[in-house]
Amino acid sequence: MSDQHANNPLHGITLQMILERLVAHYGWRELYSHIEIRCFYNDPTISSSLKFLRKTPWARTKVEELYLAMIKEKS
């Protein structure tokens, strides 16, 4: 692994993997309570959420930040 990616905990992890891990840890309702995105509340699915997150940089950033906080909390 290069030095550039050595300290990046998101390196090699896809957005789908992040979302699946967050849903497994929090569930959709609690995930919505952390990040108020309608696709997490109204008939949530991984595929619909991924479509939204890929088109919406601010939402993706919030999801990545919550994931980083979750893995920090676990360690």
PDB file of N, CA and C in Angstrom:
ATOM      1  N   MET A   1       0.855  -1.174   0.000  1.00  0.00           N
ATOM      2  CA  MET A   1       0.000   0.000   0.000  1.00  0.00           C
ATOM      3  C   MET A   1       0.895   1.229   0.000  1.00  0.00           C
ATOM      4  N   SER A   2       0.545   2.191  -0.813  1.00  0.00           N
ATOM      5  CA  SER A   2       1.360   3.400  -0.861  1.00  0.00           C
ATOM      6  C   SER A   2       1.126   4.247   0.382  1.00  0.00           C
ATOM      7  N   ASP A   3       2.099   5.120   0.659  1.00  0.00           N
ATOM      8  CA  ASP A   3       1.974   5.999   1.825  1.00  0.00           C
ATOM      9  C   ASP A   3       0.759   6.909   1.715  1.00  0.00           C
ATOM     10  N   GLN A   4       0.387   7.241   0.474  1.00  0.00           N
ATOM     11  CA  GLN A   4      -0.741   8.139   0.243  1.00  0.00           C
ATOM     12  C   GLN A   4      -2.047   7.541   0.796  1.00  0.00           C
ATOM     13  N   HIS A   5      -2.210   6.232   0.704  1.00  0.00           N
ATOM     14  CA  HIS A   5      -3.451   5.594   1.137  1.00  0.00           C
ATOM     15  C   HIS A   5      -3.340   4.906   2.489  1.00  0.00           C
ATOM     16  N   ALA A   6      -2.160   4.870   3.057  1.00  0.00           N
ATOM     17  CA  ALA A   6      -1.940   4.144   4.305  1.00  0.00           C
ATOM     18  C   ALA A   6      -2.815   4.646   5.452  1.00  0.00           C
ATOM     19  N   ASN A   7      -3.072   5.924   5.509  1.00  0.00           N
ATOM     20  CA  ASN A   7      -3.847   6.501   6.605  1.00  0.00           C
ATOM     21  C   ASN A   7      -5.290   6.818   6.227  1.00  0.00           C
ATOM     22  N   ASN A   8      -5.746   6.359   5.073  1.00  0.00           N
ATOM     23  CA  ASN A   8      -7.112   6.625   4.640  1.00  0.00           C
ATOM     24  C   ASN A   8      -7.975   5.399   4.910  1.00  0.00           C
ATOM     25  N   PRO A   9      -8.811   5.438   5.940  1.00  0.00           N
ATOM     26  CA  PRO A   9      -9.632   4.273   6.277  1.00  0.00           C
ATOM     27  C   PRO A   9     -10.704   3.959   5.236  1.00  0.00           C
ATOM     28  N   LEU A  10     -10.972   4.880   4.313  1.00  0.00           N
ATOM     29  CA  LEU A  10     -11.969   4.642   3.275  1.00  0.00           C
ATOM     30  C   LEU A  10     -11.363   4.020   2.018  1.00  0.00           C
ATOM     31  N   HIS A  11     -10.039   3.928   1.971  1.00  0.00           N
ATOM     32  CA  HIS A  11      -9.391   3.380   0.786  1.00  0.00           C
ATOM     33  C   HIS A  11      -9.781   1.915   0.591  1.00  0.00           C
ATOM     34  N   GLY A  12     -10.271   1.604  -0.604  1.00  0.00           N
ATOM     35  CA  GLY A  12     -10.637   0.233  -0.933  1.00  0.00           C
ATOM     36  C   GLY A  12     -12.027  -0.175  -0.486  1.00  0.00           C
ATOM     37  N   ILE A  13     -12.783   0.737   0.095  1.00  0.00           N
ATOM     38  CA  ILE A  13     -14.135   0.433   0.561  1.00  0.00           C
ATOM     39  C   ILE A  13     -15.127   1.170  -0.344  1.00  0.00           C
ATOM     40  N   THR A  14     -16.057   0.428  -0.906  1.00  0.00           N
ATOM     41  CA  THR A  14     -17.036   1.041  -1.801  1.00  0.00           C
ATOM     42  C   THR A  14     -18.151   1.710  -1.005  1.00  0.00           C
ATOM     43  N   LEU A  15     -18.855   2.587  -1.680  1.00  0.00           N
ATOM     44  CA  LEU A  15     -19.994   3.256  -1.058  1.00  0.00           C
ATOM     45  C   LEU A  15     -21.047   2.229  -0.655  1.00  0.00           C
ATOM     46  N   GLN A  16     -21.235   1.210  -1.460  1.00  0.00           N
ATOM     47  CA  GLN A  16     -22.203   0.165  -1.124  1.00  0.00           C
ATOM     48  C   GLN A  16     -21.801  -0.559   0.154  1.00  0.00           C
ATOM     49  N   MET A  17     -20.524  -0.869   0.304  1.00  0.00           N
ATOM     50  CA  MET A  17     -20.049  -1.531   1.524  1.00  0.00           C
ATOM     51  C   MET A  17     -20.277  -0.650   2.740  1.00  0.00           C
ATOM     52  N   ILE A  18     -19.994   0.641   2.602  1.00  0.00           N
ATOM     53  CA  ILE A  18     -20.206   1.585   3.708  1.00  0.00           C
ATOM     54  C   ILE A  18     -21.674   1.599   4.108  1.00  0.00           C
ATOM     55  N   LEU A  19     -22.545   1.724   3.123  1.00  0.00           N
ATOM     56  CA  LEU A  19     -23.973   1.806   3.396  1.00  0.00           C
ATOM     57  C   LEU A  19     -24.490   0.512   4.024  1.00  0.00           C
ATOM     58  N   GLU A  20     -24.065  -0.625   3.516  1.00  0.00           N
ATOM     59  CA  GLU A  20     -24.508  -1.903   4.080  1.00  0.00           C
ATOM     60  C   GLU A  20     -24.054  -2.065   5.528  1.00  0.00           C
ATOM     61  N   ARG A  21     -22.841  -1.633   5.831  1.00  0.00           N
ATOM     62  CA  ARG A  21     -22.337  -1.728   7.206  1.00  0.00           C
ATOM     63  C   ARG A  21     -23.081  -0.785   8.139  1.00  0.00           C
ATOM     64  N   LEU A  22     -23.402   0.417   7.653  1.00  0.00           N
ATOM     65  CA  LEU A  22     -24.160   1.362   8.467  1.00  0.00           C
ATOM     66  C   LEU A  22     -25.564   0.835   8.749  1.00  0.00           C
ATOM     67  N   VAL A  23     -26.211   0.281   7.735  1.00  0.00           N
ATOM     68  CA  VAL A  23     -27.562  -0.262   7.917  1.00  0.00           C
ATOM     69  C   VAL A  23     -27.524  -1.449   8.880  1.00  0.00           C
ATOM     70  N   ALA A  24     -26.515  -2.295   8.765  1.00  0.00           N
ATOM     71  CA  ALA A  24     -26.397  -3.438   9.672  1.00  0.00           C
ATOM     72  C   ALA A  24     -26.177  -2.973  11.108  1.00  0.00           C
ATOM     73  N   HIS A  25     -25.421  -1.910  11.273  1.00  0.00           N
ATOM     74  CA  HIS A  25     -25.111  -1.416  12.617  1.00  0.00           C
ATOM     75  C   HIS A  25     -26.265  -0.612  13.218  1.00  0.00           C
ATOM     76  N   TYR A  26     -26.810   0.324  12.445  1.00  0.00           N
ATOM     77  CA  TYR A  26     -27.825   1.242  12.975  1.00  0.00           C
ATOM     78  C   TYR A  26     -29.261   0.859  12.616  1.00  0.00           C
ATOM     79  N   GLY A  27     -29.471   0.288  11.452  1.00  0.00           N
ATOM     80  CA  GLY A  27     -30.825   0.111  10.930  1.00  0.00           C
ATOM     81  C   GLY A  27     -31.240   1.387  10.209  1.00  0.00           C
ATOM     82  N   TRP A  28     -32.264   1.276   9.361  1.00  0.00           N
ATOM     83  CA  TRP A  28     -32.665   2.435   8.546  1.00  0.00           C
ATOM     84  C   TRP A  28     -33.182   3.596   9.380  1.00  0.00           C
ATOM     85  N   ARG A  29     -34.015   3.330  10.373  1.00  0.00           N
ATOM     86  CA  ARG A  29     -34.620   4.420  11.170  1.00  0.00           C
ATOM     87  C   ARG A  29     -33.560   5.202  11.944  1.00  0.00           C
ATOM     88  N   GLU A  30     -32.651   4.492  12.574  1.00  0.00           N
ATOM     89  CA  GLU A  30     -31.617   5.197  13.328  1.00  0.00           C
ATOM     90  C   GLU A  30     -30.643   5.905  12.391  1.00  0.00           C
ATOM     91  N   LEU A  31     -30.397   5.296  11.235  1.00  0.00           N
ATOM     92  CA  LEU A  31     -29.547   5.950  10.239  1.00  0.00           C
ATOM     93  C   LEU A  31     -30.185   7.272   9.813  1.00  0.00           C
ATOM     94  N   TYR A  32     -31.498   7.250   9.620  1.00  0.00           N
ATOM     95  CA  TYR A  32     -32.219   8.482   9.281  1.00  0.00           C
ATOM     96  C   TYR A  32     -32.131   9.508  10.414  1.00  0.00           C
ATOM     97  N   SER A  33     -32.119   9.053  11.653  1.00  0.00           N
ATOM     98  CA  SER A  33     -32.028  10.001  12.768  1.00  0.00           C
ATOM     99  C   SER A  33     -30.655  10.683  12.815  1.00  0.00           C
ATOM    100  N   HIS A  34     -29.637  10.008  12.300  1.00  0.00           N
ATOM    101  CA  HIS A  34     -28.298  10.606  12.231  1.00  0.00           C
ATOM    102  C   HIS A  34     -28.143  11.514  11.017  1.00  0.00           C
ATOM    103  N   ILE A  35     -28.701  11.087   9.892  1.00  0.00           N
ATOM    104  CA  ILE A  35     -28.596  11.846   8.642  1.00  0.00           C
ATOM    105  C   ILE A  35     -29.989  11.889   8.023  1.00  0.00           C
ATOM    106  N   GLU A  36     -30.625  13.038   8.069  1.00  0.00           N
ATOM    107  CA  GLU A  36     -32.004  13.150   7.598  1.00  0.00           C
ATOM    108  C   GLU A  36     -32.058  13.225   6.076  1.00  0.00           C
ATOM    109  N   ILE A  37     -32.015  12.047   5.473  1.00  0.00           N
ATOM    110  CA  ILE A  37     -32.136  11.917   4.029  1.00  0.00           C
ATOM    111  C   ILE A  37     -33.383  11.077   3.785  1.00  0.00           C
ATOM    112  N   ARG A  38     -34.276  11.592   2.962  1.00  0.00           N
ATOM    113  CA  ARG A  38     -35.565  10.955   2.752  1.00  0.00           C
ATOM    114  C   ARG A  38     -35.457   9.494   2.304  1.00  0.00           C
ATOM    115  N   CYS A  39     -34.442   9.169   1.496  1.00  0.00           N
ATOM    116  CA  CYS A  39     -34.324   7.784   1.015  1.00  0.00           C
ATOM    117  C   CYS A  39     -33.956   6.812   2.141  1.00  0.00           C
ATOM    118  N   PHE A  40     -33.579   7.305   3.317  1.00  0.00           N
ATOM    119  CA  PHE A  40     -33.336   6.455   4.477  1.00  0.00           C
ATOM    120  C   PHE A  40     -34.624   6.230   5.274  1.00  0.00           C
ATOM    121  N   TYR A  41     -35.639   7.009   5.001  1.00  0.00           N
ATOM    122  CA  TYR A  41     -36.873   6.952   5.783  1.00  0.00           C
ATOM    123  C   TYR A  41     -38.040   6.372   4.994  1.00  0.00           C
ATOM    124  N   ASN A  42     -38.213   6.875   3.777  1.00  0.00           N
ATOM    125  CA  ASN A  42     -39.370   6.519   2.966  1.00  0.00           C
ATOM    126  C   ASN A  42     -39.039   5.330   2.062  1.00  0.00           C
ATOM    127  N   ASP A  43     -39.462   4.126   2.449  1.00  0.00           N
ATOM    128  CA  ASP A  43     -39.234   2.904   1.684  1.00  0.00           C
ATOM    129  C   ASP A  43     -37.760   2.719   1.330  1.00  0.00           C
ATOM    130  N   PRO A  44     -36.893   2.631   2.334  1.00  0.00           N
ATOM    131  CA  PRO A  44     -35.450   2.591   2.083  1.00  0.00           C
ATOM    132  C   PRO A  44     -34.968   1.275   1.473  1.00  0.00           C
ATOM    133  N   THR A  45     -34.080   1.400   0.506  1.00  0.00           N
ATOM    134  CA  THR A  45     -33.374   0.252  -0.058  1.00  0.00           C
ATOM    135  C   THR A  45     -31.934   0.680  -0.308  1.00  0.00           C
ATOM    136  N   ILE A  46     -31.067  -0.301  -0.397  1.00  0.00           N
ATOM    137  CA  ILE A  46     -29.661  -0.008  -0.694  1.00  0.00           C
ATOM    138  C   ILE A  46     -29.555   0.644  -2.066  1.00  0.00           C
ATOM    139  N   SER A  47     -30.239   0.079  -3.065  1.00  0.00           N
ATOM    140  CA  SER A  47     -30.089   0.595  -4.430  1.00  0.00           C
ATOM    141  C   SER A  47     -30.604   2.026  -4.579  1.00  0.00           C
ATOM    142  N   SER A  48     -31.747   2.344  -3.986  1.00  0.00           N
ATOM    143  CA  SER A  48     -32.258   3.717  -4.109  1.00  0.00           C
ATOM    144  C   SER A  48     -31.362   4.694  -3.355  1.00  0.00           C
ATOM    145  N   SER A  49     -30.846   4.270  -2.223  1.00  0.00           N
ATOM    146  CA  SER A  49     -29.954   5.130  -1.451  1.00  0.00           C
ATOM    147  C   SER A  49     -28.643   5.364  -2.205  1.00  0.00           C
ATOM    148  N   LEU A  50     -28.102   4.314  -2.831  1.00  0.00           N
ATOM    149  CA  LEU A  50     -26.865   4.469  -3.600  1.00  0.00           C
ATOM    150  C   LEU A  50     -27.046   5.443  -4.758  1.00  0.00           C
ATOM    151  N   LYS A  51     -28.179   5.357  -5.446  1.00  0.00           N
ATOM    152  CA  LYS A  51     -28.447   6.284  -6.554  1.00  0.00           C
ATOM    153  C   LYS A  51     -28.402   7.723  -6.054  1.00  0.00           C
ATOM    154  N   PHE A  52     -29.068   7.982  -4.939  1.00  0.00           N
ATOM    155  CA  PHE A  52     -29.096   9.324  -4.385  1.00  0.00           C
ATOM    156  C   PHE A  52     -27.712   9.773  -3.932  1.00  0.00           C
ATOM    157  N   LEU A  53     -27.019   8.915  -3.199  1.00  0.00           N
ATOM    158  CA  LEU A  53     -25.714   9.286  -2.645  1.00  0.00           C
ATOM    159  C   LEU A  53     -24.674   9.533  -3.732  1.00  0.00           C
ATOM    160  N   ARG A  54     -24.753   8.801  -4.828  1.00  0.00           N
ATOM    161  CA  ARG A  54     -23.793   8.996  -5.921  1.00  0.00           C
ATOM    162  C   ARG A  54     -24.009  10.322  -6.638  1.00  0.00           C
ATOM    163  N   LYS A  55     -25.227  10.842  -6.578  1.00  0.00           N
ATOM    164  CA  LYS A  55     -25.548  12.110  -7.246  1.00  0.00           C
ATOM    165  C   LYS A  55     -25.456  13.313  -6.318  1.00  0.00           C
ATOM    166  N   THR A  56     -25.301  13.071  -5.021  1.00  0.00           N
ATOM    167  CA  THR A  56     -25.398  14.143  -4.042  1.00  0.00           C
ATOM    168  C   THR A  56     -24.157  14.157  -3.144  1.00  0.00           C
ATOM    169  N   PRO A  57     -23.151  14.948  -3.516  1.00  0.00           N
ATOM    170  CA  PRO A  57     -21.882  14.939  -2.776  1.00  0.00           C
ATOM    171  C   PRO A  57     -22.004  15.244  -1.282  1.00  0.00           C
ATOM    172  N   TRP A  58     -22.857  16.194  -0.887  1.00  0.00           N
ATOM    173  CA  TRP A  58     -22.961  16.535   0.530  1.00  0.00           C
ATOM    174  C   TRP A  58     -23.501  15.352   1.334  1.00  0.00           C
ATOM    175  N   ALA A  59     -24.432  14.592   0.755  1.00  0.00           N
ATOM    176  CA  ALA A  59     -25.012  13.447   1.452  1.00  0.00           C
ATOM    177  C   ALA A  59     -23.981  12.321   1.565  1.00  0.00           C
ATOM    178  N   ARG A  60     -23.230  12.105   0.499  1.00  0.00           N
ATOM    179  CA  ARG A  60     -22.194  11.070   0.536  1.00  0.00           C
ATOM    180  C   ARG A  60     -21.150  11.400   1.605  1.00  0.00           C
ATOM    181  N   THR A  61     -20.790  12.668   1.700  1.00  0.00           N
ATOM    182  CA  THR A  61     -19.821  13.090   2.708  1.00  0.00           C
ATOM    183  C   THR A  61     -20.335  12.799   4.106  1.00  0.00           C
ATOM    184  N   LYS A  62     -21.605  13.088   4.362  1.00  0.00           N
ATOM    185  CA  LYS A  62     -22.186  12.819   5.681  1.00  0.00           C
ATOM    186  C   LYS A  62     -22.201  11.324   5.996  1.00  0.00           C
ATOM    187  N   VAL A  63     -22.504  10.502   5.003  1.00  0.00           N
ATOM    188  CA  VAL A  63     -22.513   9.051   5.189  1.00  0.00           C
ATOM    189  C   VAL A  63     -21.097   8.559   5.495  1.00  0.00           C
ATOM    190  N   GLU A  64     -20.117   9.047   4.760  1.00  0.00           N
ATOM    191  CA  GLU A  64     -18.722   8.655   4.999  1.00  0.00           C
ATOM    192  C   GLU A  64     -18.260   9.093   6.386  1.00  0.00           C
ATOM    193  N   GLU A  65     -18.652  10.285   6.807  1.00  0.00           N
ATOM    194  CA  GLU A  65     -18.279  10.769   8.137  1.00  0.00           C
ATOM    195  C   GLU A  65     -18.899   9.912   9.235  1.00  0.00           C
ATOM    196  N   LEU A  66     -20.157   9.522   9.057  1.00  0.00           N
ATOM    197  CA  LEU A  66     -20.812   8.659  10.046  1.00  0.00           C
ATOM    198  C   LEU A  66     -20.138   7.290  10.081  1.00  0.00           C
ATOM    199  N   TYR A  67     -19.765   6.774   8.930  1.00  0.00           N
ATOM    200  CA  TYR A  67     -19.063   5.489   8.880  1.00  0.00           C
ATOM    201  C   TYR A  67     -17.737   5.569   9.628  1.00  0.00           C
ATOM    202  N   LEU A  68     -16.987   6.634   9.398  1.00  0.00           N
ATOM    203  CA  LEU A  68     -15.708   6.810  10.093  1.00  0.00           C
ATOM    204  C   LEU A  68     -15.908   6.901  11.602  1.00  0.00           C
ATOM    205  N   ALA A  69     -16.952   7.603  12.028  1.00  0.00           N
ATOM    206  CA  ALA A  69     -17.253   7.706  13.460  1.00  0.00           C
ATOM    207  C   ALA A  69     -17.632   6.333  14.023  1.00  0.00           C
ATOM    208  N   MET A  70     -18.366   5.549  13.237  1.00  0.00           N
ATOM    209  CA  MET A  70     -18.774   4.221  13.696  1.00  0.00           C
ATOM    210  C   MET A  70     -17.569   3.305  13.866  1.00  0.00           C
ATOM    211  N   ILE A  71     -16.648   3.305  12.898  1.00  0.00           N
ATOM    212  CA  ILE A  71     -15.491   2.412  13.038  1.00  0.00           C
ATOM    213  C   ILE A  71     -14.545   2.889  14.138  1.00  0.00           C
ATOM    214  N   LYS A  72     -14.498   4.188  14.352  1.00  0.00           N
ATOM    215  CA  LYS A  72     -13.676   4.713  15.456  1.00  0.00           C
ATOM    216  C   LYS A  72     -14.274   4.295  16.794  1.00  0.00           C
ATOM    217  N   GLU A  73     -15.586   4.327  16.885  1.00  0.00           N
ATOM    218  CA  GLU A  73     -16.298   3.936  18.110  1.00  0.00           C
ATOM    219  C   GLU A  73     -16.085   2.445  18.405  1.00  0.00           C
ATOM    220  N   LYS A  74     -16.043   1.632  17.369  1.00  0.00           N
ATOM    221  CA  LYS A  74     -15.869   0.186  17.537  1.00  0.00           C
ATOM    222  C   LYS A  74     -14.472  -0.191  17.970  1.00  0.00           C
ATOM    223  N   SER A  75     -13.480   0.631  17.613  1.00  0.00           N
ATOM    224  CA  SER A  75     -12.097   0.256  17.944  1.00  0.00           C
ATOM    225  C   SER A  75     -11.626   0.807  19.268  1.00  0.00           C
TER     226      SER A  75
END
